[in-house]
Amino acid sequence: MHFIIKHIVSNIGISLFLIFSILIGSNAYSEQSAEDIIKERKALFSKNYKTAKRVQALSAKGEFDKAKELMIVMSENYKDLLELFPENSKEGFKTGSLPIIWDDKENFNTLMQKSSDDMIKLTSIIETVEDVNIPIRELMWGNCKACHSKYREEH
């Protein structure tokens, strides 16, 4: 009988140790995961900003084919960004994102989708307008401003 009790206690101890290890390990993993997510979305936003400046410069020079390629890249980046705001990435790692993103997730996602759609729209009209700066301001920079003014920390 004594042997059975020792065996049960030993198994309970091992089970508790394994459960504790899993909990600690998964917490560390989710923190790492949040850091990776935040870094990825910051990199995408940064890439879109740099790309937007190139789009404007190329369009101003009449290099529409190159500009359109970059507009499509930006559109895809906005779609990718839709997946980069999970609950575990609200804070930390110098996110720069305001909590309203998660409180107002539907409108935030709508803005990201609109930004993506507007870049595609821009590809179809950029060559037909008299002043390229007007649609670029409205369809590209306007979305940047809308996002920054509501969803990003001031810096």
Protein backbone atom coordinates (compact mmCIF):
# COMPACT_ATOMS: atom_id res chain seq x y z
CA MET A 1 0.00 0.00 0.00
CA HIS A 2 2.86 2.33 0.90
CA PHE A 3 4.35 1.72 -2.55
CA ILE A 4 1.11 2.76 -4.30
CA ILE A 5 0.93 6.04 -2.36
CA LYS A 6 4.56 6.82 -3.22
CA HIS A 7 3.84 6.07 -6.87
CA ILE A 8 0.75 8.33 -6.90
CA VAL A 9 2.57 11.18 -5.16
CA SER A 10 5.48 10.82 -7.57
CA ASN A 11 3.18 10.95 -10.61
CA ILE A 12 1.32 13.96 -9.22
CA GLY A 13 4.63 15.73 -8.68
CA ILE A 14 5.78 14.98 -12.20
CA SER A 15 2.42 16.08 -13.62
CA LEU A 16 2.51 19.35 -11.69
CA PHE A 17 6.07 19.98 -12.84
CA LEU A 18 5.09 19.37 -16.48
CA ILE A 19 2.03 21.62 -16.23
CA PHE A 20 4.09 24.36 -14.60
CA SER A 21 6.79 24.04 -17.28
CA ILE A 22 4.23 24.24 -20.07
CA LEU A 23 2.61 27.33 -18.56
CA ILE A 24 5.92 29.11 -18.09
CA GLY A 25 7.16 28.06 -21.52
CA SER A 26 4.00 29.07 -23.35
CA ASN A 27 3.99 32.47 -21.61
CA ALA A 28 7.54 33.09 -22.78
CA TYR A 29 6.56 31.94 -26.26
CA SER A 30 3.56 34.27 -26.41
CA GLU A 31 5.77 37.18 -25.33
CA GLN A 32 8.27 36.33 -28.05
CA SER A 33 5.43 35.91 -30.48
CA ALA A 34 4.03 39.34 -29.56
CA GLU A 35 7.46 40.89 -30.05
CA ASP A 36 7.79 39.27 -33.47
CA ILE A 37 4.31 40.43 -34.48
CA ILE A 38 4.96 44.00 -33.37
CA LYS A 39 8.30 44.08 -35.17
CA GLU A 40 6.71 42.70 -38.33
CA ARG A 41 3.88 45.23 -38.40
CA LYS A 42 6.23 48.13 -37.65
CA ALA A 43 8.46 46.97 -40.49
CA LEU A 44 5.48 46.79 -42.87
CA PHE A 45 4.28 50.27 -41.95
CA SER A 46 7.82 51.60 -42.37
CA LYS A 47 8.13 49.86 -45.72
CA ASN A 48 4.82 51.33 -46.86
CA TYR A 49 5.95 54.82 -45.87
CA LYS A 50 9.19 54.49 -47.84
CA THR A 51 7.31 52.96 -50.74
CA ALA A 52 4.71 55.75 -50.67
CA LYS A 53 7.46 58.33 -51.05
CA ARG A 54 8.80 56.42 -54.05
CA VAL A 55 5.30 56.14 -55.54
CA GLN A 56 4.90 59.89 -55.32
CA ALA A 57 8.32 60.58 -56.85
CA LEU A 58 7.86 58.08 -59.68
CA SER A 59 4.36 59.35 -60.45
CA ALA A 60 5.58 62.94 -60.53
CA LYS A 61 8.19 61.91 -63.11
CA GLY A 62 5.58 60.05 -65.18
CA GLU A 63 7.10 56.64 -64.44
CA PHE A 64 3.68 55.09 -63.94
CA ASP A 65 4.52 51.42 -64.55
CA LYS A 66 7.08 51.39 -61.74
CA ALA A 67 4.76 53.40 -59.50
CA LYS A 68 1.89 50.97 -60.13
CA GLU A 69 4.05 47.99 -59.17
CA LEU A 70 4.82 49.68 -55.86
CA MET A 71 1.15 50.57 -55.31
CA ILE A 72 0.29 46.88 -55.62
CA VAL A 73 3.00 46.01 -53.09
CA MET A 74 1.52 48.57 -50.69
CA SER A 75 -1.95 47.14 -51.23
CA GLU A 76 -0.74 43.65 -50.30
CA ASN A 77 1.07 45.02 -47.24
CA TYR A 78 -2.19 46.54 -45.98
CA LYS A 79 -3.88 43.15 -46.36
CA ASP A 80 -1.05 41.53 -44.41
CA LEU A 81 -1.42 44.13 -41.67
CA LEU A 82 -4.98 42.95 -41.03
CA GLU A 83 -3.50 39.84 -39.37
CA LEU A 84 -0.85 41.63 -37.32
CA PHE A 85 -2.95 43.07 -34.50
CA PRO A 86 -3.87 40.07 -32.30
CA GLU A 87 -4.88 40.59 -28.67
CA ASN A 88 -1.45 39.64 -27.34
CA SER A 89 0.24 42.50 -29.21
CA LYS A 90 -1.52 45.47 -27.61
CA GLU A 91 1.46 46.74 -25.67
CA GLY A 92 5.15 46.44 -25.19
CA PHE A 93 8.11 46.45 -27.53
CA LYS A 94 7.58 50.13 -28.42
CA THR A 95 4.47 49.24 -30.39
CA GLY A 96 3.31 52.81 -31.05
CA SER A 97 -0.21 51.47 -31.56
CA LEU A 98 -3.01 52.88 -29.44
CA PRO A 99 -5.42 50.56 -27.56
CA ILE A 100 -8.31 51.95 -29.61
CA ILE A 101 -7.22 49.61 -32.42
CA TRP A 102 -8.46 46.65 -30.39
CA ASP A 103 -11.46 48.52 -28.96
CA ASP A 104 -12.49 49.63 -32.45
CA LYS A 105 -11.14 46.63 -34.38
CA GLU A 106 -13.87 46.57 -37.01
CA ASN A 107 -13.26 50.18 -38.05
CA PHE A 108 -9.49 49.72 -37.94
CA ASN A 109 -9.74 46.66 -40.19
CA THR A 110 -12.07 48.58 -42.49
CA LEU A 111 -9.46 51.34 -42.78
CA MET A 112 -6.69 48.82 -43.58
CA GLN A 113 -8.91 47.21 -46.24
CA LYS A 114 -9.84 50.64 -47.63
CA SER A 115 -6.15 51.54 -47.79
CA SER A 116 -5.48 48.37 -49.76
CA ASP A 117 -8.42 48.97 -52.10
CA ASP A 118 -7.49 52.62 -52.61
CA MET A 119 -3.99 51.66 -53.72
CA ILE A 120 -5.50 49.41 -56.39
CA LYS A 121 -7.86 52.21 -57.39
CA LEU A 122 -4.87 54.53 -57.66
CA THR A 123 -3.22 52.16 -60.16
CA SER A 124 -6.23 52.49 -62.43
CA ILE A 125 -6.47 56.28 -62.45
CA ILE A 126 -2.95 57.60 -61.94
CA GLU A 127 -2.21 57.96 -65.67
CA THR A 128 -5.52 59.66 -66.47
CA VAL A 129 -5.45 62.58 -64.05
CA GLU A 130 -4.14 66.02 -64.80
CA ASP A 131 -2.38 66.45 -61.44
CA VAL A 132 -1.05 63.18 -59.93
CA ASN A 133 -0.67 64.80 -56.53
CA ILE A 134 -4.44 65.05 -55.99
CA PRO A 135 -5.30 61.32 -56.11
CA ILE A 136 -2.05 60.46 -54.34
CA ARG A 137 -2.96 62.84 -51.54
CA GLU A 138 -6.52 61.54 -51.30
CA LEU A 139 -6.06 57.80 -51.90
CA MET A 140 -2.63 57.21 -50.39
CA TRP A 141 -1.58 59.91 -47.92
CA GLY A 142 -5.18 60.45 -46.78
CA ASN A 143 -5.34 56.88 -45.47
CA CYS A 144 -1.98 57.27 -43.74
CA LYS A 145 -3.24 60.41 -42.03
CA ALA A 146 -6.54 58.79 -41.03
CA CYS A 147 -4.72 55.91 -39.38
CA HIS A 148 -2.04 58.00 -37.68
CA SER A 149 -4.49 60.52 -36.28
CA LYS A 150 -6.67 57.88 -34.63
CA TYR A 151 -4.66 54.72 -34.08
CA ARG A 152 -1.00 55.73 -33.56
CA GLU A 153 0.81 57.33 -30.65
CA GLU A 154 2.20 60.78 -31.32
CA HIS A 155 5.95 60.90 -31.67
